[in-house]
Amino acid sequence: MTVTSLIEALGLDVHHGGNGNVHVSRGVVGDLLSFVMGGAPEGAVWVTLQTHVNIAAVAVLKEIPLVILASGRIPDAELLERCRKEGISIATASDSPFDLCGALHDLGLKG
């Protein structure tokens, strides 16, 4: 599934589109940056509640093409600018992290 098709399937509010043609089949959820750095599969979709600029640094490190901010969180200006610079897609979902992960699983993504 591509980033664009995933965004459309979940009805996400996109803050920056990045490269929508990247294929994703895995996901990770977490707010502790060291956990994501140590355990996220490269190229995974990342679900988080965090909205600060360090999210982009971890996404770059793990080659994460899409960060989904759950529970209606909005990226701060510094995070949004960094995602634009790095080509990372960032979007918001109104769903909780739990429900969002269930929806990702239903779309065929694995952890």
Protein backbone atom coordinates (compact mmCIF):
# COMPACT_ATOMS: atom_id res chain seq x y z
CA MET A 1 0.00 0.00 0.00
CA THR A 2 1.35 3.45 -0.83
CA VAL A 3 1.47 6.38 1.56
CA THR A 4 -1.14 8.18 -0.56
CA SER A 5 -3.54 5.22 -0.62
CA LEU A 6 -3.11 4.76 3.14
CA ILE A 7 -3.87 8.44 3.77
CA GLU A 8 -6.98 8.19 1.60
CA ALA A 9 -8.17 4.94 3.18
CA LEU A 10 -7.92 6.41 6.68
CA GLY A 11 -9.28 9.83 5.74
CA LEU A 12 -6.33 11.61 7.33
CA ASP A 13 -5.86 15.37 7.48
CA VAL A 14 -2.57 15.91 5.64
CA HIS A 15 -0.19 18.63 6.83
CA HIS A 16 2.56 17.71 4.36
CA GLY A 17 2.31 15.11 1.61
CA GLY A 18 5.95 14.06 1.23
CA ASN A 19 6.45 11.20 -1.23
CA GLY A 20 3.06 9.54 -1.57
CA ASN A 21 4.38 6.79 -3.84
CA VAL A 22 6.42 5.08 -1.12
CA HIS A 23 5.15 1.57 -0.37
CA VAL A 24 4.47 0.66 3.27
CA SER A 25 3.49 -2.67 4.80
CA ARG A 26 4.57 -2.26 8.43
CA GLY A 27 3.75 0.07 11.26
CA VAL A 28 4.93 1.16 14.68
CA VAL A 29 3.21 2.99 17.51
CA GLY A 30 5.00 4.78 20.32
CA ASP A 31 5.73 8.08 21.97
CA LEU A 32 9.07 7.18 23.49
CA LEU A 33 11.59 8.18 20.83
CA SER A 34 14.26 5.71 21.95
CA PHE A 35 11.72 2.87 21.64
CA VAL A 36 10.91 3.85 18.06
CA MET A 37 14.60 4.31 17.19
CA GLY A 38 15.42 0.87 18.57
CA GLY A 39 12.43 -1.10 17.36
CA ALA A 40 10.70 0.45 14.37
CA PRO A 41 11.15 -1.37 11.10
CA GLU A 42 12.60 0.89 8.42
CA GLY A 43 9.94 2.27 6.14
CA ALA A 44 7.11 1.79 8.64
CA VAL A 45 4.18 4.11 9.26
CA TRP A 46 4.53 5.69 12.71
CA VAL A 47 1.56 6.47 14.98
CA THR A 48 2.32 8.88 17.82
CA LEU A 49 0.90 11.59 20.06
CA GLN A 50 4.15 13.56 20.03
CA THR A 51 4.23 16.79 18.04
CA HIS A 52 7.72 18.21 18.51
CA VAL A 53 10.57 18.46 16.01
CA ASN A 54 12.46 15.41 17.31
CA ILE A 55 9.81 13.24 15.67
CA ALA A 56 11.23 14.23 12.27
CA ALA A 57 14.78 13.32 13.31
CA VAL A 58 13.68 9.81 14.30
CA ALA A 59 11.65 9.46 11.10
CA VAL A 60 14.72 10.34 9.04
CA LEU A 61 16.89 7.92 11.01
CA LYS A 62 14.44 5.02 10.52
CA GLU A 63 13.41 6.02 6.97
CA ILE A 64 9.78 6.42 8.08
CA PRO A 65 7.81 7.92 5.19
CA LEU A 66 4.61 8.76 7.11
CA VAL A 67 4.01 9.98 10.65
CA ILE A 68 0.40 9.93 11.83
CA LEU A 69 -0.45 12.13 14.78
CA ALA A 70 -3.32 10.46 16.64
CA SER A 71 -6.16 11.93 18.72
CA GLY A 72 -6.37 15.08 16.61
CA ARG A 73 -2.86 16.29 17.46
CA ILE A 74 -1.42 19.00 15.23
CA PRO A 75 2.31 19.28 14.43
CA ASP A 76 4.06 22.31 15.82
CA ALA A 77 5.56 24.71 13.27
CA GLU A 78 9.11 23.45 13.70
CA LEU A 79 8.07 19.82 13.15
CA LEU A 80 6.06 20.70 10.07
CA GLU A 81 8.95 22.66 8.57
CA ARG A 82 11.39 19.81 9.22
CA CYS A 83 9.01 17.27 7.64
CA ARG A 84 8.77 19.49 4.56
CA LYS A 85 12.55 19.75 4.39
CA GLU A 86 13.06 15.99 4.80
CA GLY A 87 10.16 14.89 2.58
CA ILE A 88 8.31 13.13 5.38
CA SER A 89 4.55 12.86 5.08
CA ILE A 90 2.77 14.01 8.25
CA ALA A 91 -0.95 13.74 8.88
CA THR A 92 -3.49 13.87 11.68
CA ALA A 93 -6.15 11.33 12.61
CA SER A 94 -8.96 12.06 15.02
CA ASP A 95 -8.87 8.42 16.18
CA SER A 96 -7.04 7.28 19.30
CA PRO A 97 -3.72 5.48 18.81
CA PHE A 98 -5.44 2.20 19.68
CA ASP A 99 -8.22 2.61 17.12
CA LEU A 100 -5.82 3.91 14.51
CA CYS A 101 -3.58 0.86 14.87
CA GLY A 102 -6.63 -1.38 14.51
CA ALA A 103 -7.52 0.39 11.27
CA LEU A 104 -3.95 0.02 9.99
CA HIS A 105 -4.04 -3.69 10.82
CA ASP A 106 -7.38 -4.04 9.02
CA LEU A 107 -5.70 -2.51 5.94
CA GLY A 108 -3.07 -5.27 6.04
CA LEU A 109 -0.19 -3.56 7.83
CA LYS A 110 1.72 -5.57 10.41
CA GLY A 111 3.77 -4.42 13.39
